[in-house]
C-alpha atoms as a PDB file:
ATOM      1  CA  MET A   1     -17.462 -53.418  60.833  1.00  0.00           C
ATOM      2  CA  ARG A   2     -19.230 -50.156  60.098  1.00  0.00           C
ATOM      3  CA  PHE A   3     -19.251 -48.779  56.554  1.00  0.00           C
ATOM      4  CA  GLU A   4     -20.449 -45.382  55.353  1.00  0.00           C
ATOM      5  CA  LEU A   5     -21.250 -44.224  51.845  1.00  0.00           C
ATOM      6  CA  LYS A   6     -19.950 -40.758  50.942  1.00  0.00           C
ATOM      7  CA  GLY A   7     -20.718 -39.950  47.313  1.00  0.00           C
ATOM      8  CA  THR A   8     -18.782 -42.515  45.289  1.00  0.00           C
ATOM      9  CA  GLU A   9     -16.540 -43.514  48.198  1.00  0.00           C
ATOM     10  CA  ILE A  10     -17.075 -46.049  50.987  1.00  0.00           C
ATOM     11  CA  TYR A  11     -15.423 -45.562  54.369  1.00  0.00           C
ATOM     12  CA  GLU A  12     -14.668 -48.273  56.904  1.00  0.00           C
ATOM     13  CA  ASP A  13     -14.560 -46.962  60.470  1.00  0.00           C
ATOM     14  CA  ASN A  14     -13.801 -43.418  59.151  1.00  0.00           C
ATOM     15  CA  SER A  15     -10.965 -44.655  56.898  1.00  0.00           C
ATOM     16  CA  LYS A  16     -11.412 -44.784  53.133  1.00  0.00           C
ATOM     17  CA  CYS A  17     -12.162 -48.310  52.047  1.00  0.00           C
ATOM     18  CA  CYS A  18     -12.847 -48.159  48.335  1.00  0.00           C
ATOM     19  CA  ASP A  19     -14.033 -46.121  45.355  1.00  0.00           C
ATOM     20  CA  ILE A  20     -17.117 -46.773  43.254  1.00  0.00           C
ATOM     21  CA  GLU A  21     -17.093 -46.308  39.488  1.00  0.00           C
ATOM     22  CA  TYR A  22     -20.132 -46.468  37.233  1.00  0.00           C
ATOM     23  CA  THR A  23     -20.215 -47.584  33.611  1.00  0.00           C
ATOM     24  CA  LYS A  24     -23.235 -48.201  31.403  1.00  0.00           C
ATOM     25  CA  LYS A  25     -23.362 -51.877  32.372  1.00  0.00           C
ATOM     26  CA  GLU A  26     -21.307 -52.241  35.562  1.00  0.00           C
ATOM     27  CA  ILE A  27     -20.731 -50.962  39.081  1.00  0.00           C
ATOM     28  CA  ILE A  28     -17.021 -51.295  39.786  1.00  0.00           C
ATOM     29  CA  VAL A  29     -15.718 -51.276  43.374  1.00  0.00           C
ATOM     30  CA  ASN A  30     -11.986 -50.562  43.690  1.00  0.00           C
ATOM     31  CA  GLY A  31     -10.382 -51.283  47.053  1.00  0.00           C
ATOM     32  CA  LYS A  32      -8.149 -53.721  48.857  1.00  0.00           C
ATOM     33  CA  TYR A  33      -9.166 -57.381  48.719  1.00  0.00           C
ATOM     34  CA  PRO A  34     -11.882 -58.514  49.350  1.00  0.00           C
ATOM     35  CA  TYR A  35     -13.404 -55.094  48.607  1.00  0.00           C
ATOM     36  CA  GLN A  36     -12.579 -55.354  44.926  1.00  0.00           C
ATOM     37  CA  PHE A  37     -15.404 -56.614  42.753  1.00  0.00           C
ATOM     38  CA  THR A  38     -17.832 -55.763  39.960  1.00  0.00           C
ATOM     39  CA  ILE A  39     -21.627 -55.708  40.125  1.00  0.00           C
ATOM     40  CA  LYS A  40     -23.425 -56.341  36.846  1.00  0.00           C
ATOM     41  CA  PRO A  41     -27.136 -55.385  37.030  1.00  0.00           C
ATOM     42  CA  GLY A  42     -29.652 -57.334  34.947  1.00  0.00           C
ATOM     43  CA  PHE A  43     -33.390 -57.664  34.453  1.00  0.00           C
ATOM     44  CA  SER A  44     -33.868 -60.045  37.389  1.00  0.00           C
ATOM     45  CA  GLY A  45     -31.289 -58.684  39.827  1.00  0.00           C
ATOM     46  CA  TYR A  46     -27.517 -58.410  39.683  1.00  0.00           C
ATOM     47  CA  LYS A  47     -24.444 -60.650  39.549  1.00  0.00           C
ATOM     48  CA  ILE A  48     -21.183 -60.130  41.439  1.00  0.00           C
ATOM     49  CA  PHE A  49     -17.779 -60.882  39.914  1.00  0.00           C
ATOM     50  CA  GLN A  50     -14.375 -60.963  41.596  1.00  0.00           C
ATOM     51  CA  ASN A  51     -11.216 -61.646  39.593  1.00  0.00           C
ATOM     52  CA  ASN A  52     -13.464 -62.432  36.594  1.00  0.00           C
ATOM     53  CA  LYS A  53     -15.247 -65.168  38.555  1.00  0.00           C
ATOM     54  CA  ASN A  54     -18.931 -65.124  39.456  1.00  0.00           C
ATOM     55  CA  ILE A  55     -19.015 -65.183  43.270  1.00  0.00           C
ATOM     56  CA  GLY A  56     -22.727 -64.620  43.724  1.00  0.00           C
ATOM     57  CA  LYS A  57     -25.906 -62.831  42.780  1.00  0.00           C
ATOM     58  CA  GLY A  58     -28.495 -60.620  44.377  1.00  0.00           C
ATOM     59  CA  LYS A  59     -31.915 -59.072  44.021  1.00  0.00           C
ATOM     60  CA  GLY A  60     -32.508 -55.976  46.074  1.00  0.00           C
ATOM     61  CA  PHE A  61     -31.394 -56.833  49.613  1.00  0.00           C
ATOM     62  CA  GLU A  62     -31.422 -60.575  49.001  1.00  0.00           C
ATOM     63  CA  LEU A  63     -27.827 -61.664  48.529  1.00  0.00           C
ATOM     64  CA  ASN A  64     -26.578 -65.132  47.602  1.00  0.00           C
ATOM     65  CA  LEU A  65     -22.783 -65.465  47.652  1.00  0.00           C
ATOM     66  CA  ILE A  66     -20.700 -68.632  47.414  1.00  0.00           C
ATOM     67  CA  SER A  67     -20.051 -68.703  51.161  1.00  0.00           C
ATOM     68  CA  PHE A  68     -23.376 -67.450  52.546  1.00  0.00           C
ATOM     69  CA  THR A  69     -26.921 -66.319  51.815  1.00  0.00           C
ATOM     70  CA  LEU A  70     -28.471 -63.141  53.260  1.00  0.00           C
ATOM     71  CA  LYS A  71     -31.966 -61.666  53.280  1.00  0.00           C
ATOM     72  CA  PRO A  72     -33.716 -58.746  54.983  1.00  0.00           C
ATOM     73  CA  GLU A  73     -35.673 -59.476  58.141  1.00  0.00           C
ATOM     74  CA  LEU A  74     -38.428 -57.204  56.879  1.00  0.00           C
ATOM     75  CA  LYS A  75     -40.713 -58.660  54.212  1.00  0.00           C
ATOM     76  CA  SER A  76     -42.167 -55.744  52.303  1.00  0.00           C
ATOM     77  CA  ASP A  77     -42.568 -54.535  48.727  1.00  0.00           C
ATOM     78  CA  GLN A  78     -41.712 -51.049  50.024  1.00  0.00           C
ATOM     79  CA  ILE A  79     -38.475 -51.805  51.858  1.00  0.00           C
ATOM     80  CA  MET A  80     -36.668 -48.886  50.177  1.00  0.00           C
ATOM     81  CA  ASN A  81     -39.282 -46.415  51.421  1.00  0.00           C
ATOM     82  CA  ILE A  82     -38.949 -47.852  54.916  1.00  0.00           C
ATOM     83  CA  LEU A  83     -35.167 -47.496  54.733  1.00  0.00           C
ATOM     84  CA  LEU A  84     -35.369 -43.871  53.577  1.00  0.00           C
ATOM     85  CA  SER A  85     -37.735 -43.090  56.438  1.00  0.00           C
ATOM     86  CA  GLY A  86     -34.804 -43.663  58.807  1.00  0.00           C
ATOM     87  CA  LYS A  87     -35.718 -47.124  60.002  1.00  0.00           C
ATOM     88  CA  GLU A  88     -33.022 -49.753  60.283  1.00  0.00           C
ATOM     89  CA  ILE A  89     -33.184 -52.692  57.875  1.00  0.00           C
ATOM     90  CA  ARG A  90     -31.766 -55.728  59.643  1.00  0.00           C
ATOM     91  CA  ILE A  91     -30.170 -58.504  57.593  1.00  0.00           C
ATOM     92  CA  MET A  92     -30.369 -62.210  58.450  1.00  0.00           C
ATOM     93  CA  ASP A  93     -28.246 -65.190  57.393  1.00  0.00           C
ATOM     94  CA  GLN A  94     -29.574 -68.541  56.181  1.00  0.00           C
ATOM     95  CA  ASN A  95     -30.228 -69.546  59.805  1.00  0.00           C
ATOM     96  CA  ASN A  96     -32.342 -66.416  60.425  1.00  0.00           C
ATOM     97  CA  PHE A  97     -29.749 -64.875  62.749  1.00  0.00           C
ATOM     98  CA  ILE A  98     -29.300 -61.098  62.595  1.00  0.00           C
ATOM     99  CA  ILE A  99     -25.763 -60.480  61.337  1.00  0.00           C
ATOM    100  CA  GLY A 100     -25.917 -56.826  60.282  1.00  0.00           C
ATOM    101  CA  TYR A 101     -28.016 -53.839  59.314  1.00  0.00           C
ATOM    102  CA  ILE A 102     -28.386 -51.063  56.762  1.00  0.00           C
ATOM    103  CA  LYS A 103     -29.550 -47.591  57.729  1.00  0.00           C
ATOM    104  CA  PHE A 104     -30.127 -44.182  56.185  1.00  0.00           C
ATOM    105  CA  GLU A 105     -28.994 -41.463  58.581  1.00  0.00           C
ATOM    106  CA  ASN A 106     -27.731 -37.901  58.156  1.00  0.00           C
ATOM    107  CA  ASN A 107     -28.580 -38.097  54.427  1.00  0.00           C
ATOM    108  CA  THR A 108     -26.270 -41.044  53.812  1.00  0.00           C
ATOM    109  CA  PHE A 109     -26.372 -44.834  53.844  1.00  0.00           C
ATOM    110  CA  THR A 110     -24.454 -46.815  56.464  1.00  0.00           C
ATOM    111  CA  SER A 111     -24.061 -50.526  57.082  1.00  0.00           C
ATOM    112  CA  SER A 112     -22.620 -52.622  59.865  1.00  0.00           C
ATOM    113  CA  PHE A 113     -21.761 -56.309  59.512  1.00  0.00           C
ATOM    114  CA  SER A 114     -19.772 -58.750  61.571  1.00  0.00           C
ATOM    115  CA  SER A 115     -17.054 -60.909  60.009  1.00  0.00           C
ATOM    116  CA  PRO A 116     -17.178 -62.830  57.675  1.00  0.00           C
ATOM    117  CA  TYR A 117     -20.189 -60.915  56.341  1.00  0.00           C
ATOM    118  CA  ASP A 118     -18.438 -57.533  56.102  1.00  0.00           C
ATOM    119  CA  ILE A 119     -18.122 -57.779  52.296  1.00  0.00           C
ATOM    120  CA  ALA A 120     -21.925 -57.764  52.181  1.00  0.00           C
ATOM    121  CA  GLY A 121     -21.936 -54.309  53.787  1.00  0.00           C
ATOM    122  CA  VAL A 122     -19.799 -52.980  50.930  1.00  0.00           C
ATOM    123  CA  ILE A 123     -21.889 -54.736  48.267  1.00  0.00           C
ATOM    124  CA  TYR A 124     -25.098 -53.247  49.656  1.00  0.00           C
ATOM    125  CA  LEU A 125     -23.664 -49.714  49.786  1.00  0.00           C
ATOM    126  CA  ALA A 126     -22.218 -49.961  46.273  1.00  0.00           C
ATOM    127  CA  TYR A 127     -25.582 -51.149  44.976  1.00  0.00           C
ATOM    128  CA  LEU A 128     -27.418 -48.335  46.788  1.00  0.00           C
ATOM    129  CA  SER A 129     -24.896 -45.784  45.524  1.00  0.00           C
ATOM    130  CA  ALA A 130     -25.675 -46.700  41.919  1.00  0.00           C
ATOM    131  CA  THR A 131     -29.443 -47.153  42.205  1.00  0.00           C
ATOM    132  CA  MET A 132     -30.164 -44.239  44.552  1.00  0.00           C
ATOM    133  CA  HIS A 133     -27.660 -41.578  43.489  1.00  0.00           C
ATOM    134  CA  ARG A 134     -30.349 -39.375  41.886  1.00  0.00           C
ATOM    135  CA  SER A 135     -32.476 -39.552  45.021  1.00  0.00           C
ATOM    136  CA  LEU A 136     -29.426 -38.756  47.153  1.00  0.00           C
ATOM    137  CA  GLU A 137     -28.660 -35.712  44.998  1.00  0.00           C
ATOM    138  CA  THR A 138     -32.255 -34.501  45.488  1.00  0.00           C
ATOM    139  CA  ILE A 139     -32.048 -35.090  49.235  1.00  0.00           C
ATOM    140  CA  ASN A 140     -28.761 -33.202  49.544  1.00  0.00           C
ATOM    141  CA  ARG A 141     -30.069 -30.353  47.365  1.00  0.00           C
ATOM    142  CA  GLU A 142     -33.446 -29.928  49.077  1.00  0.00           C
ATOM    143  CA  GLY A 143     -32.381 -31.011  52.545  1.00  0.00           C
ATOM    144  CA  LYS A 144     -35.205 -33.517  52.930  1.00  0.00           C
ATOM    145  CA  VAL A 145     -36.252 -36.942  51.726  1.00  0.00           C
ATOM    146  CA  PRO A 146     -38.791 -36.628  48.867  1.00  0.00           C
ATOM    147  CA  GLU A 147     -42.118 -38.314  49.517  1.00  0.00           C
ATOM    148  CA  ARG A 148     -42.185 -41.739  47.972  1.00  0.00           C
ATOM    149  CA  PRO A 149     -45.266 -43.912  47.501  1.00  0.00           C
ATOM    150  CA  ILE A 150     -45.719 -46.713  50.000  1.00  0.00           C
ATOM    151  CA  ALA A 151     -47.043 -48.864  47.149  1.00  0.00           C
ATOM    152  CA  THR A 152     -47.525 -48.649  43.391  1.00  0.00           C
ATOM    153  CA  VAL A 153     -50.024 -51.007  41.762  1.00  0.00           C
ATOM    154  CA  ILE A 154     -51.437 -51.385  38.259  1.00  0.00           C
ATOM    155  CA  GLY A 155     -55.153 -50.686  38.177  1.00  0.00           C
ATOM    156  CA  ASN A 156     -58.044 -50.863  35.715  1.00  0.00           C
ATOM    157  CA  GLY A 157     -57.557 -51.915  32.116  1.00  0.00           C
ATOM    158  CA  ARG A 158     -56.662 -54.826  29.896  1.00  0.00           C
ATOM    159  CA  SER A 159     -53.131 -56.011  29.398  1.00  0.00           C
ATOM    160  CA  ASN A 160     -51.461 -54.287  26.434  1.00  0.00           C
ATOM    161  CA  ILE A 161     -50.206 -57.727  25.319  1.00  0.00           C
ATOM    162  CA  VAL A 162     -53.759 -59.074  25.124  1.00  0.00           C
ATOM    163  CA  ASN A 163     -54.888 -55.983  23.213  1.00  0.00           C
ATOM    164  CA  THR A 164     -52.040 -56.364  20.721  1.00  0.00           C
ATOM    165  CA  LEU A 165     -52.755 -60.062  20.122  1.00  0.00           C
ATOM    166  CA  ILE A 166     -56.449 -59.363  19.471  1.00  0.00           C
ATOM    167  CA  MET A 167     -55.518 -56.598  17.036  1.00  0.00           C
ATOM    168  CA  ILE A 168     -52.925 -58.724  15.190  1.00  0.00           C
ATOM    169  CA  LEU A 169     -55.314 -61.639  14.655  1.00  0.00           C
ATOM    170  CA  PRO A 170     -57.358 -60.033  11.818  1.00  0.00           C
ATOM    171  CA  ILE A 171     -54.129 -58.873  10.145  1.00  0.00           C
ATOM    172  CA  LEU A 172     -52.821 -62.446  10.085  1.00  0.00           C
ATOM    173  CA  ILE A 173     -56.149 -63.668   8.695  1.00  0.00           C
ATOM    174  CA  ALA A 174     -55.987 -60.973   5.993  1.00  0.00           C
ATOM    175  CA  ILE A 175     -52.499 -62.109   4.973  1.00  0.00           C
ATOM    176  CA  PHE A 176     -53.542 -65.763   4.659  1.00  0.00           C
ATOM    177  CA  ILE A 177     -56.729 -65.147   2.670  1.00  0.00           C
ATOM    178  CA  ALA A 178     -55.287 -62.417   0.401  1.00  0.00           C
ATOM    179  CA  PRO A 179     -54.378 -64.896  -2.398  1.00  0.00           C
ATOM    180  CA  TYR A 180     -57.983 -66.154  -2.451  1.00  0.00           C
ATOM    181  CA  SER A 181     -60.070 -63.025  -1.849  1.00  0.00           C
ATOM    182  CA  VAL A 182     -58.648 -59.524  -1.961  1.00  0.00           C
ATOM    183  CA  LEU A 183     -61.953 -57.968  -0.873  1.00  0.00           C
ATOM    184  CA  THR A 184     -62.227 -60.165   2.231  1.00  0.00           C
ATOM    185  CA  SER A 185     -58.596 -59.424   3.029  1.00  0.00           C
ATOM    186  CA  TYR A 186     -59.327 -55.660   2.979  1.00  0.00           C
ATOM    187  CA  ILE A 187     -62.309 -56.231   5.263  1.00  0.00           C
ATOM    188  CA  PHE A 188     -60.096 -57.902   7.873  1.00  0.00           C
ATOM    189  CA  LEU A 189     -57.496 -55.145   7.575  1.00  0.00           C
ATOM    190  CA  PHE A 190     -60.233 -52.571   8.150  1.00  0.00           C
ATOM    191  CA  LEU A 191     -61.344 -54.610  11.193  1.00  0.00           C
ATOM    192  CA  ALA A 192     -57.783 -54.398  12.548  1.00  0.00           C
ATOM    193  CA  PHE A 193     -57.886 -50.566  12.377  1.00  0.00           C
ATOM    194  CA  ILE A 194     -61.265 -50.550  14.146  1.00  0.00           C
ATOM    195  CA  LEU A 195     -59.909 -52.788  16.920  1.00  0.00           C
ATOM    196  CA  ASP A 196     -56.820 -50.589  17.217  1.00  0.00           C
ATOM    197  CA  ALA A 197     -58.986 -47.499  17.719  1.00  0.00           C
ATOM    198  CA  PHE A 198     -61.206 -49.355  20.178  1.00  0.00           C
ATOM    199  CA  PHE A 199     -58.354 -50.657  22.311  1.00  0.00           C
ATOM    200  CA  MET A 200     -56.613 -47.286  22.178  1.00  0.00           C
ATOM    201  CA  GLY A 201     -59.478 -46.077  24.324  1.00  0.00           C
ATOM    202  CA  ILE A 202     -59.085 -49.040  26.659  1.00  0.00           C
ATOM    203  CA  ARG A 203     -55.341 -48.468  26.957  1.00  0.00           C
ATOM    204  CA  ARG A 204     -56.020 -44.905  28.062  1.00  0.00           C
ATOM    205  CA  ASN A 205     -57.855 -46.428  31.015  1.00  0.00           C
ATOM    206  CA  VAL A 206     -54.869 -48.519  32.107  1.00  0.00           C
ATOM    207  CA  SER A 207     -53.948 -46.863  35.384  1.00  0.00           C
ATOM    208  CA  TYR A 208     -51.052 -46.984  37.768  1.00  0.00           C
ATOM    209  CA  ILE A 209     -52.007 -46.019  41.289  1.00  0.00           C
ATOM    210  CA  ALA A 210     -49.349 -44.637  43.641  1.00  0.00           C
ATOM    211  CA  PHE A 211     -50.403 -44.821  47.287  1.00  0.00           C
ATOM    212  CA  TYR A 212     -49.060 -42.323  49.827  1.00  0.00           C
ATOM    213  CA  ASN A 213     -49.711 -41.840  53.518  1.00  0.00           C
ATOM    214  CA  ASP A 214     -52.723 -39.528  53.056  1.00  0.00           C
ATOM    215  CA  HIS A 215     -53.745 -39.824  49.393  1.00  0.00           C
ATOM    216  CA  MET A 216     -53.331 -41.767  46.179  1.00  0.00           C
ATOM    217  CA  ASP A 217     -52.405 -40.636  42.668  1.00  0.00           C
ATOM    218  CA  VAL A 218     -54.166 -42.313  39.736  1.00  0.00           C
ATOM    219  CA  ILE A 219     -51.993 -42.080  36.627  1.00  0.00           C
ATOM    220  CA  ASN A 220     -53.714 -42.840  33.323  1.00  0.00           C
ATOM    221  CA  SER A 221     -51.335 -43.963  30.602  1.00  0.00           C
ATOM    222  CA  GLY A 222     -51.871 -44.600  26.909  1.00  0.00           C
ATOM    223  CA  ARG A 223     -51.080 -43.177  23.531  1.00  0.00           C
ATOM    224  CA  LYS A 224     -52.104 -39.705  24.558  1.00  0.00           C
ATOM    225  CA  LYS A 225     -50.393 -37.641  27.231  1.00  0.00           C
ATOM    226  CA  ALA A 226     -50.566 -39.222  30.685  1.00  0.00           C
ATOM    227  CA  SER A 227     -52.775 -37.590  33.280  1.00  0.00           C
ATOM    228  CA  LYS A 228     -52.745 -37.709  37.076  1.00  0.00           C
ATOM    229  CA  ILE A 229     -55.658 -37.425  39.485  1.00  0.00           C
ATOM    230  CA  SER A 230     -55.009 -37.107  43.218  1.00  0.00           C
ATOM    231  CA  ILE A 231     -57.650 -38.691  45.439  1.00  0.00           C
ATOM    232  CA  SER A 232     -57.865 -38.231  49.191  1.00  0.00           C
ATOM    233  CA  TYR A 233     -58.572 -41.303  51.294  1.00  0.00           C
ATOM    234  CA  SER A 234     -61.606 -39.442  52.660  1.00  0.00           C
ATOM    235  CA  ASP A 235     -63.157 -39.901  49.183  1.00  0.00           C
ATOM    236  CA  ILE A 236     -63.068 -43.704  49.517  1.00  0.00           C
ATOM    237  CA  LYS A 237     -66.454 -45.210  50.372  1.00  0.00           C
ATOM    238  CA  ASN A 238     -65.456 -48.832  50.776  1.00  0.00           C
ATOM    239  CA  ILE A 239     -62.715 -51.413  50.206  1.00  0.00           C
ATOM    240  CA  GLU A 240     -63.607 -54.891  48.963  1.00  0.00           C
ATOM    241  CA  ILE A 241     -61.432 -57.949  48.451  1.00  0.00           C
ATOM    242  CA  GLY A 242     -61.707 -59.404  44.946  1.00  0.00           C
ATOM    243  CA  LYS A 243     -62.535 -63.030  44.266  1.00  0.00           C
ATOM    244  CA  ASN A 244     -60.151 -63.669  41.369  1.00  0.00           C
ATOM    245  CA  LYS A 245     -56.569 -62.967  40.263  1.00  0.00           C
ATOM    246  CA  LYS A 246     -57.538 -59.957  38.115  1.00  0.00           C
ATOM    247  CA  SER A 247     -59.239 -58.101  40.966  1.00  0.00           C
ATOM    248  CA  LYS A 248     -57.331 -58.517  44.211  1.00  0.00           C
ATOM    249  CA  VAL A 249     -58.649 -55.257  45.704  1.00  0.00           C
ATOM    250  CA  ILE A 250     -61.699 -53.187  44.714  1.00  0.00           C
ATOM    251  CA  ILE A 251     -61.743 -49.520  45.769  1.00  0.00           C
ATOM    252  CA  ILE A 252     -65.188 -47.899  45.669  1.00  0.00           C
ATOM    253  CA  LEU A 253     -65.152 -44.096  45.698  1.00  0.00           C
ATOM    254  CA  SER A 254     -67.919 -41.970  47.195  1.00  0.00           C
ATOM    255  CA  LYS A 255     -68.388 -40.216  43.835  1.00  0.00           C
ATOM    256  CA  PRO A 256     -67.221 -40.685  40.200  1.00  0.00           C
ATOM    257  CA  ILE A 257     -64.005 -38.682  40.549  1.00  0.00           C
ATOM    258  CA  LEU A 258     -62.336 -40.431  37.604  1.00  0.00           C
ATOM    259  CA  GLY A 259     -65.084 -39.493  35.120  1.00  0.00           C
ATOM    260  CA  SER A 260     -68.729 -38.722  34.589  1.00  0.00           C
ATOM    261  CA  ASN A 261     -70.047 -42.288  34.522  1.00  0.00           C
ATOM    262  CA  ASP A 262     -71.108 -44.259  37.566  1.00  0.00           C
ATOM    263  CA  LYS A 263     -68.503 -46.918  36.678  1.00  0.00           C
ATOM    264  CA  ASP A 264     -65.799 -44.284  37.174  1.00  0.00           C
ATOM    265  CA  ASN A 265     -66.168 -44.544  40.945  1.00  0.00           C
ATOM    266  CA  THR A 266     -64.520 -47.989  41.047  1.00  0.00           C
ATOM    267  CA  ILE A 267     -60.816 -48.832  40.940  1.00  0.00           C
ATOM    268  CA  ILE A 268     -59.743 -52.462  40.567  1.00  0.00           C
ATOM    269  CA  LEU A 269     -56.229 -53.494  41.661  1.00  0.00           C
ATOM    270  CA  ARG A 270     -54.542 -56.636  40.399  1.00  0.00           C
ATOM    271  CA  LYS A 271     -52.278 -56.957  43.435  1.00  0.00           C
ATOM    272  CA  ASP A 272     -52.514 -56.482  47.175  1.00  0.00           C
ATOM    273  CA  PRO A 273     -48.857 -55.894  48.172  1.00  0.00           C
ATOM    274  CA  TYR A 274     -47.438 -55.541  51.659  1.00  0.00           C
ATOM    275  CA  VAL A 275     -46.797 -51.953  52.761  1.00  0.00           C
ATOM    276  CA  ASP A 276     -44.853 -53.153  55.792  1.00  0.00           C
ATOM    277  CA  ASN A 277     -43.899 -56.463  57.375  1.00  0.00           C
ATOM    278  CA  ASN A 278     -47.428 -57.517  58.331  1.00  0.00           C
ATOM    279  CA  THR A 279     -49.885 -55.098  56.678  1.00  0.00           C
ATOM    280  CA  ARG A 280     -51.226 -55.459  53.158  1.00  0.00           C
ATOM    281  CA  LEU A 281     -52.365 -52.465  51.124  1.00  0.00           C
ATOM    282  CA  SER A 282     -56.062 -53.359  51.501  1.00  0.00           C
ATOM    283  CA  GLU A 283     -55.715 -53.448  55.297  1.00  0.00           C
ATOM    284  CA  PHE A 284     -53.790 -50.160  55.249  1.00  0.00           C
ATOM    285  CA  LEU A 285     -56.602 -48.489  53.267  1.00  0.00           C
ATOM    286  CA  LYS A 286     -59.305 -49.916  55.552  1.00  0.00           C
ATOM    287  CA  ASN A 287     -57.449 -48.553  58.583  1.00  0.00           C
ATOM    288  CA  LYS A 288     -57.217 -45.138  56.926  1.00  0.00           C
ATOM    289  CA  ILE A 289     -60.957 -45.103  56.210  1.00  0.00           C
ATOM    290  CA  ASP A 290     -61.727 -46.148  59.800  1.00  0.00           C
ATOM    291  CA  GLN A 291     -59.511 -43.347  61.166  1.00  0.00           C
ATOM    292  CA  ILE A 292     -61.225 -40.772  58.933  1.00  0.00           C
ATOM    293  CA  ASN A 293     -64.693 -42.007  59.957  1.00  0.00           C
ATOM    294  CA  ILE A 294     -63.772 -41.822  63.650  1.00  0.00           C
ATOM    295  CA  LYS A 295     -62.504 -38.235  63.268  1.00  0.00           C
ATOM    296  CA  SER A 296     -65.668 -37.214  61.412  1.00  0.00           C
ATOM    297  CA  THR A 297     -67.828 -38.361  64.333  1.00  0.00           C
ATOM    298  CA  LEU A 298     -65.873 -36.431  66.963  1.00  0.00           C
END
């Protein structure tokens, strides 16, 4: 059966199937059975309830109901971007057979699933209605799909958790030795403030890099106001694969765009996600550099 999302309503073969209602903690689907259920989002996905009974759970387009398990054919960290580009996302059952699809066409989401998987088509659309309604409003207002990054990865900088633990350590020492030496306790407290100021500078260097088709945006976050630097792929000198978990990909720029020091021409990524079914981000960037180099020689 074919389903179409229109605002907060889902239509089945051009006939209204059900309404969608949002609360702070739930997505409620009101329709004739079996299209009557509640989706409760959480930190690690969402749970689905019908008649106050948990009938399954999901995470993105992975769906695990009592009667069947579904997953997208496409393995990508950027599956939502691929869907919004107009490409069809095909859904497989536990035996890897294609049983339906989801598509974004004419500024709306549609799904088509064969029985007995038709309830999945409604679940997917209800989930997309709640999670993508702001994007849909922007699309309908501007008449085009806003550019979304093909990948977003954390870059240079220490973990804030590690920084906090290092800063707390001298405070704990100061508390324990205070009954024995007030002066030494003050010294450790002063050390905590010094470490806080030091790591404040490090935290400003914690970057989130958003990769687009023709450029990347480096977003520096920290206690001060965030800043964004756009870098063209033509400014990349080389891409190296890291040898440990903390440096999956190393991007070497042709010049220190991020600052005045020579070290500011290097960006270290902790992950190397897939940008499509078979291509990792590092391979995507290498292909971009190769294309730019070929054009420059013509």
